[in-house]
Amino acid sequence: MTEPPVNQNSPIPRTGVVVGNPKPASRTFQAAVHVVEQLTGAAPELAIDLAAFASGLLDWSDPEVAAAVEAVRGLDLVVVASPTYKASYTGLLKVFLDRFPSNGLDSVVAVPLMLGAGPGHQLAPEVFLKPVLAELGALLPTRALYVLDGAHDDPASYEAWLASARTRIASAVSGVSGGA
């Protein structure tokens, strides 16, 4: 069952996903969209699959990448997702995050999400991805989320995290989007 939207008494939050998987339309992408849907009751307004940007990520004058950065900065809630590569998040995601200015995610509630092949890397999103988002000024009201790659499409893989995170995220999003 999908819970009600996180922000029932105020404007619908602007939500999005940023996925740093080099494979387009990946399981990581599906997982990120699922998390937004479970938190808000709706699909994300913005979906950035970094695989589509290719070498444009390395061109600091690329207008499409600049527009994507600005679009993310305008969100209330963003799920930032990556597969686990070499015990951390992908270089593709790092190159994108490097495009944000200091405090570029100020007032954006962020959920770090990583998928991995086994439980040995379950701290990777907490230890590696979350600090980068904090450095960019994102609001991080919950623990990061790690999902086993082979269980990305099993709703049970998300239940415990959603149960503990939903209220905190709802409160944080309500605060940034002008709610109660």
Protein backbone atom coordinates (compact mmCIF):
# COMPACT_ATOMS: atom_id res chain seq x y z
CA MET A 1 0.00 0.00 0.00
CA THR A 2 1.28 3.45 -0.90
CA GLU A 3 1.27 5.89 1.98
CA PRO A 4 -0.30 9.33 1.52
CA PRO A 5 1.89 12.12 0.18
CA VAL A 6 4.46 13.52 2.59
CA ASN A 7 2.98 16.99 2.48
CA GLN A 8 -0.82 16.76 2.63
CA ASN A 9 -1.61 20.28 3.91
CA SER A 10 0.64 22.33 1.67
CA PRO A 11 1.71 22.48 -1.95
CA ILE A 12 2.80 19.22 -3.51
CA PRO A 13 6.55 18.88 -3.00
CA ARG A 14 8.78 19.06 -6.04
CA THR A 15 10.53 15.70 -6.19
CA GLY A 16 13.19 14.10 -8.30
CA VAL A 17 15.80 11.42 -8.71
CA VAL A 18 19.41 11.64 -9.83
CA VAL A 19 20.88 8.31 -10.84
CA GLY A 20 24.60 7.78 -11.38
CA ASN A 21 24.47 4.40 -13.06
CA PRO A 22 26.33 4.26 -16.40
CA LYS A 23 23.63 1.89 -17.68
CA PRO A 24 20.45 3.75 -18.79
CA ALA A 25 17.11 2.79 -17.20
CA SER A 26 18.96 0.65 -14.65
CA ARG A 27 17.75 -1.17 -11.57
CA THR A 28 19.23 1.74 -9.62
CA PHE A 29 16.94 4.10 -11.52
CA GLN A 30 13.93 1.89 -10.82
CA ALA A 31 14.82 1.76 -7.12
CA ALA A 32 15.15 5.55 -6.87
CA VAL A 33 11.78 6.10 -8.54
CA HIS A 34 10.23 3.52 -6.22
CA VAL A 35 11.52 5.35 -3.14
CA VAL A 36 10.06 8.68 -4.30
CA GLU A 37 6.73 7.01 -5.08
CA GLN A 38 6.62 5.37 -1.66
CA LEU A 39 7.49 8.61 0.13
CA THR A 40 5.12 10.88 -1.77
CA GLY A 41 2.47 8.73 -3.44
CA ALA A 42 3.48 10.08 -6.86
CA ALA A 43 6.16 9.63 -9.49
CA PRO A 44 9.09 12.05 -9.35
CA GLU A 45 8.63 15.32 -11.21
CA LEU A 46 12.26 15.22 -12.36
CA ALA A 47 14.20 12.10 -13.35
CA ILE A 48 17.85 12.53 -14.25
CA ASP A 49 19.55 9.41 -15.58
CA LEU A 50 23.18 10.52 -15.82
CA ALA A 51 23.96 7.82 -18.40
CA ALA A 52 22.16 10.05 -20.90
CA PHE A 53 24.62 12.92 -20.42
CA ALA A 54 27.73 10.96 -21.44
CA SER A 55 30.73 13.19 -22.11
CA GLY A 56 28.65 16.34 -21.54
CA LEU A 57 29.34 15.84 -17.84
CA LEU A 58 32.99 16.59 -18.49
CA ASP A 59 32.24 19.77 -20.46
CA TRP A 60 31.73 22.53 -17.89
CA SER A 61 30.02 24.65 -20.53
CA ASP A 62 27.40 22.00 -21.44
CA PRO A 63 24.01 23.75 -21.16
CA GLU A 64 22.04 20.51 -20.70
CA VAL A 65 24.09 19.53 -17.65
CA ALA A 66 23.87 23.07 -16.26
CA ALA A 67 20.08 22.96 -16.65
CA ALA A 68 19.96 19.59 -14.86
CA VAL A 69 21.96 21.01 -11.94
CA GLU A 70 19.59 23.98 -11.66
CA ALA A 71 16.55 21.71 -11.87
CA VAL A 72 17.84 19.59 -8.98
CA ARG A 73 18.55 22.73 -6.94
CA GLY A 74 14.87 23.66 -7.32
CA LEU A 75 13.54 20.45 -5.78
CA ASP A 76 12.15 19.91 -2.30
CA LEU A 77 13.13 16.21 -2.23
CA VAL A 78 15.71 14.31 -4.27
CA VAL A 79 16.79 10.69 -4.15
CA VAL A 80 20.44 10.50 -5.20
CA ALA A 81 21.20 6.94 -6.26
CA SER A 82 24.16 4.91 -7.44
CA PRO A 83 25.20 1.32 -7.78
CA THR A 84 28.11 0.32 -5.58
CA TYR A 85 31.35 0.48 -7.58
CA LYS A 86 34.63 -0.30 -5.84
CA ALA A 87 32.90 0.03 -2.44
CA SER A 88 31.62 3.54 -3.21
CA TYR A 89 29.35 5.45 -5.58
CA THR A 90 30.17 5.90 -9.27
CA GLY A 91 32.51 8.46 -10.77
CA LEU A 92 29.63 9.44 -13.04
CA LEU A 93 27.66 10.63 -10.03
CA LYS A 94 30.72 12.34 -8.53
CA VAL A 95 31.34 14.33 -11.71
CA PHE A 96 27.72 15.52 -11.66
CA LEU A 97 27.81 16.45 -7.98
CA ASP A 98 31.05 18.38 -8.58
CA ARG A 99 29.02 20.75 -10.78
CA PHE A 100 27.05 22.07 -7.78
CA PRO A 101 28.30 25.23 -6.10
CA SER A 102 29.00 25.41 -2.37
CA ASN A 103 25.72 24.81 -0.55
CA GLY A 104 24.14 24.13 -3.94
CA LEU A 105 21.64 21.74 -2.36
CA ASP A 106 20.74 24.11 0.46
CA SER A 107 17.10 23.52 1.49
CA VAL A 108 16.81 20.33 -0.59
CA VAL A 109 15.94 17.19 1.36
CA ALA A 110 18.13 14.39 0.03
CA VAL A 111 17.99 10.62 0.34
CA PRO A 112 21.25 8.82 -0.46
CA LEU A 113 20.50 5.42 -2.02
CA MET A 114 22.90 2.76 -3.20
CA LEU A 115 22.39 -0.71 -4.61
CA GLY A 116 24.97 -3.42 -4.17
CA ALA A 117 25.57 -7.10 -4.82
CA GLY A 118 25.95 -8.09 -1.17
CA PRO A 119 25.62 -6.88 2.39
CA GLY A 120 29.36 -6.20 2.71
CA HIS A 121 28.90 -2.68 1.32
CA GLN A 122 25.76 -1.70 3.21
CA LEU A 123 27.52 1.24 4.89
CA ALA A 124 28.74 2.69 1.58
CA PRO A 125 25.87 5.16 1.11
CA GLU A 126 26.17 6.35 4.72
CA VAL A 127 29.95 6.63 4.70
CA PHE A 128 30.63 7.88 1.16
CA LEU A 129 27.54 9.39 -0.50
CA LYS A 130 25.84 11.06 2.46
CA PRO A 131 28.88 13.22 3.42
CA VAL A 132 29.11 14.63 -0.12
CA LEU A 133 25.44 15.58 -0.05
CA ALA A 134 25.94 17.16 3.39
CA GLU A 135 28.90 19.15 2.02
CA LEU A 136 26.57 20.49 -0.67
CA GLY A 137 24.16 21.68 2.03
CA ALA A 138 21.44 19.07 1.54
CA LEU A 139 19.12 18.30 4.42
CA LEU A 140 19.62 14.66 5.40
CA PRO A 141 16.96 13.75 7.98
CA THR A 142 17.44 9.96 7.80
CA ARG A 143 20.01 7.25 7.46
CA ALA A 144 21.06 6.43 3.93
CA LEU A 145 19.38 3.50 2.19
CA TYR A 146 21.18 0.42 0.87
CA VAL A 147 19.29 -2.20 -1.16
CA LEU A 148 20.62 -5.47 -2.48
CA ASP A 149 20.76 -5.29 -6.25
CA GLY A 150 18.96 -8.60 -6.68
CA ALA A 151 16.08 -7.40 -4.48
CA HIS A 152 15.62 -3.93 -5.96
CA ASP A 153 12.14 -4.85 -7.17
CA ASP A 154 11.00 -6.44 -3.89
CA PRO A 155 8.94 -3.93 -1.85
CA ALA A 156 10.00 -5.77 1.33
CA SER A 157 13.57 -4.54 0.72
CA TYR A 158 12.43 -0.99 1.45
CA GLU A 159 9.81 -1.53 4.19
CA ALA A 160 11.96 -1.17 7.33
CA TRP A 161 13.75 1.91 6.02
CA LEU A 162 10.50 3.52 4.85
CA ALA A 163 8.85 2.84 8.21
CA SER A 164 11.61 4.68 10.07
CA ALA A 165 12.27 7.41 7.50
CA ARG A 166 8.84 8.42 6.23
CA THR A 167 7.89 10.73 9.13
CA ARG A 168 11.28 12.44 9.29
CA ILE A 169 11.34 13.05 5.55
CA ALA A 170 7.74 14.30 5.58
CA SER A 171 8.60 16.76 8.32
CA ALA A 172 11.75 17.98 6.56
CA VAL A 173 10.00 18.35 3.19
CA SER A 174 7.09 20.15 4.83
CA GLY A 175 9.56 22.60 6.32
CA VAL A 176 11.27 23.40 3.02
CA SER A 177 8.16 23.56 0.85
CA GLY A 178 6.30 26.02 3.06
CA GLY A 179 4.15 23.62 5.03
CA ALA A 180 3.05 23.71 8.64
